[in-house]
N, C-alpha and C. Protein backbone atom coordinates (compact mmCIF):
# COMPACT_ATOMS: atom_id res chain seq x y z
N MET A 1 -84.64 -22.42 63.40
CA MET A 1 -83.74 -23.10 62.49
C MET A 1 -84.13 -24.58 62.39
N LEU A 2 -83.97 -25.09 61.21
CA LEU A 2 -84.28 -26.49 60.95
C LEU A 2 -82.99 -27.23 60.63
N SER A 3 -82.86 -28.43 61.14
CA SER A 3 -81.70 -29.24 60.78
C SER A 3 -81.85 -29.65 59.32
N ILE A 4 -80.78 -30.11 58.73
CA ILE A 4 -80.82 -30.53 57.33
C ILE A 4 -81.84 -31.67 57.14
N GLY A 5 -81.95 -32.54 58.12
CA GLY A 5 -82.92 -33.64 58.04
C GLY A 5 -84.35 -33.15 58.07
N GLU A 6 -84.64 -32.22 58.98
CA GLU A 6 -85.99 -31.66 59.06
C GLU A 6 -86.33 -30.91 57.78
N PHE A 7 -85.39 -30.11 57.31
CA PHE A 7 -85.60 -29.33 56.09
C PHE A 7 -85.84 -30.25 54.89
N SER A 8 -85.05 -31.32 54.79
CA SER A 8 -85.21 -32.24 53.66
C SER A 8 -86.55 -32.95 53.71
N ASN A 9 -87.01 -33.30 54.91
CA ASN A 9 -88.33 -33.95 55.03
C ASN A 9 -89.45 -33.03 54.61
N ILE A 10 -89.39 -31.78 55.03
CA ILE A 10 -90.43 -30.81 54.68
C ILE A 10 -90.45 -30.57 53.17
N CYS A 11 -89.27 -30.42 52.58
CA CYS A 11 -89.17 -30.10 51.15
C CYS A 11 -89.23 -31.32 50.23
N LYS A 12 -89.16 -32.50 50.84
CA LYS A 12 -89.18 -33.75 50.09
C LYS A 12 -88.02 -33.86 49.10
N VAL A 13 -86.82 -33.49 49.59
CA VAL A 13 -85.58 -33.69 48.85
C VAL A 13 -84.60 -34.37 49.80
N SER A 14 -83.64 -35.07 49.25
CA SER A 14 -82.69 -35.78 50.10
C SER A 14 -81.66 -34.82 50.71
N THR A 15 -81.06 -35.25 51.79
CA THR A 15 -79.99 -34.45 52.38
C THR A 15 -78.80 -34.40 51.43
N LYS A 16 -78.61 -35.45 50.66
CA LYS A 16 -77.53 -35.46 49.66
C LYS A 16 -77.75 -34.35 48.63
N THR A 17 -78.99 -34.18 48.21
CA THR A 17 -79.33 -33.12 47.26
C THR A 17 -79.05 -31.76 47.87
N LEU A 18 -79.45 -31.56 49.12
CA LEU A 18 -79.20 -30.27 49.79
C LEU A 18 -77.72 -29.99 49.90
N ARG A 19 -76.93 -31.01 50.21
CA ARG A 19 -75.48 -30.81 50.28
C ARG A 19 -74.91 -30.44 48.91
N TYR A 20 -75.44 -31.08 47.87
CA TYR A 20 -74.98 -30.76 46.51
C TYR A 20 -75.37 -29.33 46.14
N TYR A 21 -76.60 -28.93 46.45
CA TYR A 21 -77.04 -27.57 46.15
C TYR A 21 -76.16 -26.55 46.85
N ALA A 22 -75.74 -26.84 48.07
CA ALA A 22 -74.84 -25.95 48.80
C ALA A 22 -73.47 -25.91 48.11
N GLU A 23 -73.01 -27.06 47.66
CA GLU A 23 -71.71 -27.17 47.00
C GLU A 23 -71.65 -26.33 45.73
N ILE A 24 -72.74 -26.30 44.97
CA ILE A 24 -72.75 -25.56 43.71
C ILE A 24 -73.25 -24.12 43.89
N GLY A 25 -73.60 -23.75 45.12
CA GLY A 25 -74.02 -22.39 45.39
C GLY A 25 -75.47 -22.09 45.06
N LEU A 26 -76.29 -23.11 44.93
CA LEU A 26 -77.70 -22.91 44.61
C LEU A 26 -78.51 -22.57 45.85
N LEU A 27 -78.30 -23.30 46.93
CA LEU A 27 -79.01 -23.07 48.19
C LEU A 27 -78.08 -23.44 49.33
N GLU A 28 -77.52 -22.43 49.95
CA GLU A 28 -76.59 -22.68 51.04
C GLU A 28 -77.33 -22.60 52.37
N PRO A 29 -76.91 -23.40 53.34
CA PRO A 29 -77.57 -23.35 54.65
C PRO A 29 -77.41 -21.98 55.29
N SER A 30 -78.37 -21.61 56.12
CA SER A 30 -78.29 -20.33 56.83
C SER A 30 -77.15 -20.32 57.81
N GLU A 31 -76.89 -21.49 58.37
CA GLU A 31 -75.86 -21.60 59.40
C GLU A 31 -75.21 -22.97 59.34
N VAL A 32 -73.91 -23.00 59.57
CA VAL A 32 -73.17 -24.26 59.69
C VAL A 32 -72.42 -24.21 61.01
N ASN A 33 -72.67 -25.20 61.84
CA ASN A 33 -71.99 -25.26 63.13
C ASN A 33 -70.50 -25.54 62.89
N PRO A 34 -69.61 -24.63 63.30
CA PRO A 34 -68.18 -24.82 63.02
C PRO A 34 -67.56 -26.00 63.78
N GLU A 35 -68.19 -26.40 64.87
CA GLU A 35 -67.64 -27.49 65.67
C GLU A 35 -67.92 -28.87 65.07
N ASN A 36 -69.13 -29.04 64.53
CA ASN A 36 -69.49 -30.37 64.03
C ASN A 36 -69.91 -30.39 62.56
N GLY A 37 -69.99 -29.22 61.93
CA GLY A 37 -70.36 -29.15 60.51
C GLY A 37 -71.83 -29.34 60.23
N TYR A 38 -72.67 -29.42 61.27
CA TYR A 38 -74.11 -29.58 61.04
C TYR A 38 -74.66 -28.36 60.32
N ARG A 39 -75.55 -28.61 59.39
CA ARG A 39 -76.13 -27.55 58.57
C ARG A 39 -77.54 -27.26 59.08
N TYR A 40 -77.87 -25.97 59.11
CA TYR A 40 -79.18 -25.54 59.55
C TYR A 40 -79.77 -24.59 58.52
N TYR A 41 -81.06 -24.74 58.29
CA TYR A 41 -81.78 -23.93 57.31
C TYR A 41 -82.87 -23.14 58.02
N SER A 42 -83.13 -21.94 57.51
CA SER A 42 -84.17 -21.11 58.11
C SER A 42 -85.52 -21.42 57.44
N ILE A 43 -86.56 -21.07 58.15
CA ILE A 43 -87.91 -21.23 57.61
C ILE A 43 -88.05 -20.44 56.31
N ASP A 44 -87.40 -19.28 56.25
CA ASP A 44 -87.48 -18.43 55.05
C ASP A 44 -86.95 -19.13 53.80
N GLN A 45 -86.05 -20.10 53.97
CA GLN A 45 -85.47 -20.80 52.82
C GLN A 45 -86.41 -21.84 52.23
N LEU A 46 -87.48 -22.16 52.92
CA LEU A 46 -88.44 -23.14 52.39
C LEU A 46 -89.01 -22.68 51.06
N GLU A 47 -89.37 -21.40 50.98
CA GLU A 47 -89.96 -20.88 49.74
C GLU A 47 -88.98 -21.03 48.57
N LYS A 48 -87.72 -20.71 48.80
CA LYS A 48 -86.72 -20.83 47.75
C LYS A 48 -86.54 -22.28 47.31
N MET A 49 -86.50 -23.20 48.28
CA MET A 49 -86.33 -24.61 47.95
C MET A 49 -87.54 -25.13 47.17
N LEU A 50 -88.73 -24.73 47.57
CA LEU A 50 -89.92 -25.16 46.85
C LEU A 50 -89.95 -24.59 45.43
N PHE A 51 -89.44 -23.37 45.26
CA PHE A 51 -89.33 -22.76 43.93
C PHE A 51 -88.35 -23.54 43.07
N ILE A 52 -87.21 -23.93 43.67
CA ILE A 52 -86.22 -24.74 42.95
C ILE A 52 -86.85 -26.07 42.52
N SER A 53 -87.58 -26.70 43.42
CA SER A 53 -88.23 -27.98 43.10
C SER A 53 -89.24 -27.82 41.98
N ARG A 54 -89.99 -26.72 42.01
CA ARG A 54 -90.98 -26.48 40.95
C ARG A 54 -90.29 -26.30 39.61
N LEU A 55 -89.21 -25.52 39.59
CA LEU A 55 -88.48 -25.32 38.33
C LEU A 55 -87.89 -26.63 37.82
N LYS A 56 -87.39 -27.47 38.72
CA LYS A 56 -86.87 -28.78 38.31
C LYS A 56 -87.98 -29.63 37.71
N SER A 57 -89.18 -29.53 38.26
CA SER A 57 -90.30 -30.31 37.72
C SER A 57 -90.68 -29.84 36.32
N TYR A 58 -90.32 -28.60 35.97
CA TYR A 58 -90.54 -28.07 34.62
C TYR A 58 -89.35 -28.35 33.70
N SER A 59 -88.42 -29.17 34.18
CA SER A 59 -87.26 -29.62 33.41
C SER A 59 -86.19 -28.55 33.16
N PHE A 60 -86.14 -27.54 34.03
CA PHE A 60 -85.03 -26.60 33.95
C PHE A 60 -83.79 -27.27 34.51
N SER A 61 -82.63 -26.96 33.93
CA SER A 61 -81.36 -27.49 34.46
C SER A 61 -80.97 -26.68 35.70
N LEU A 62 -80.05 -27.22 36.48
CA LEU A 62 -79.60 -26.50 37.67
C LEU A 62 -78.93 -25.18 37.30
N ASP A 63 -78.20 -25.16 36.19
CA ASP A 63 -77.59 -23.90 35.74
C ASP A 63 -78.65 -22.87 35.39
N GLU A 64 -79.70 -23.32 34.72
CA GLU A 64 -80.79 -22.40 34.39
C GLU A 64 -81.49 -21.89 35.65
N ILE A 65 -81.68 -22.78 36.61
CA ILE A 65 -82.32 -22.41 37.87
C ILE A 65 -81.48 -21.38 38.62
N LYS A 66 -80.16 -21.58 38.62
CA LYS A 66 -79.27 -20.61 39.27
C LYS A 66 -79.43 -19.24 38.64
N GLU A 67 -79.51 -19.18 37.33
CA GLU A 67 -79.68 -17.91 36.62
C GLU A 67 -81.03 -17.27 36.94
N ILE A 68 -82.08 -18.08 36.96
CA ILE A 68 -83.42 -17.56 37.26
C ILE A 68 -83.44 -16.98 38.67
N ILE A 69 -82.87 -17.70 39.62
CA ILE A 69 -82.85 -17.22 41.01
C ILE A 69 -82.00 -15.97 41.14
N LYS A 70 -80.88 -15.94 40.45
CA LYS A 70 -80.00 -14.77 40.48
C LYS A 70 -80.73 -13.56 39.90
N ASP A 71 -81.38 -13.74 38.76
CA ASP A 71 -82.12 -12.66 38.13
C ASP A 71 -83.27 -12.19 39.01
N ASP A 72 -83.95 -13.13 39.66
CA ASP A 72 -85.06 -12.81 40.55
C ASP A 72 -84.56 -12.00 41.75
N ALA A 73 -83.42 -12.38 42.31
CA ALA A 73 -82.84 -11.67 43.45
C ALA A 73 -82.43 -10.25 43.06
N GLU A 74 -81.89 -10.10 41.85
CA GLU A 74 -81.46 -8.78 41.39
C GLU A 74 -82.65 -7.85 41.17
N THR A 75 -83.77 -8.37 40.68
CA THR A 75 -84.93 -7.53 40.45
C THR A 75 -85.68 -7.23 41.74
N SER A 76 -85.48 -8.05 42.76
CA SER A 76 -86.13 -7.84 44.05
C SER A 76 -85.44 -6.76 44.87
N ASP A 77 -84.19 -6.49 44.57
CA ASP A 77 -83.43 -5.50 45.36
C ASP A 77 -83.80 -4.09 45.04
């Protein structure tokens, strides 16, 4: 598990962005410590975050990205 800080450094996005993505349901942490609220991300989530970043670089909106990820998850099942 990676802390939110470690995950943000690897993905080159701010912790504020990660918190916002969790708030809107785009990328939620794998685990949240109930005692202190610390957020932890799994190594497996790196690929999803990098995909989100790539789509943002192509000027997709967050709503469009949510739909793309949802559609991708549905076809993967």
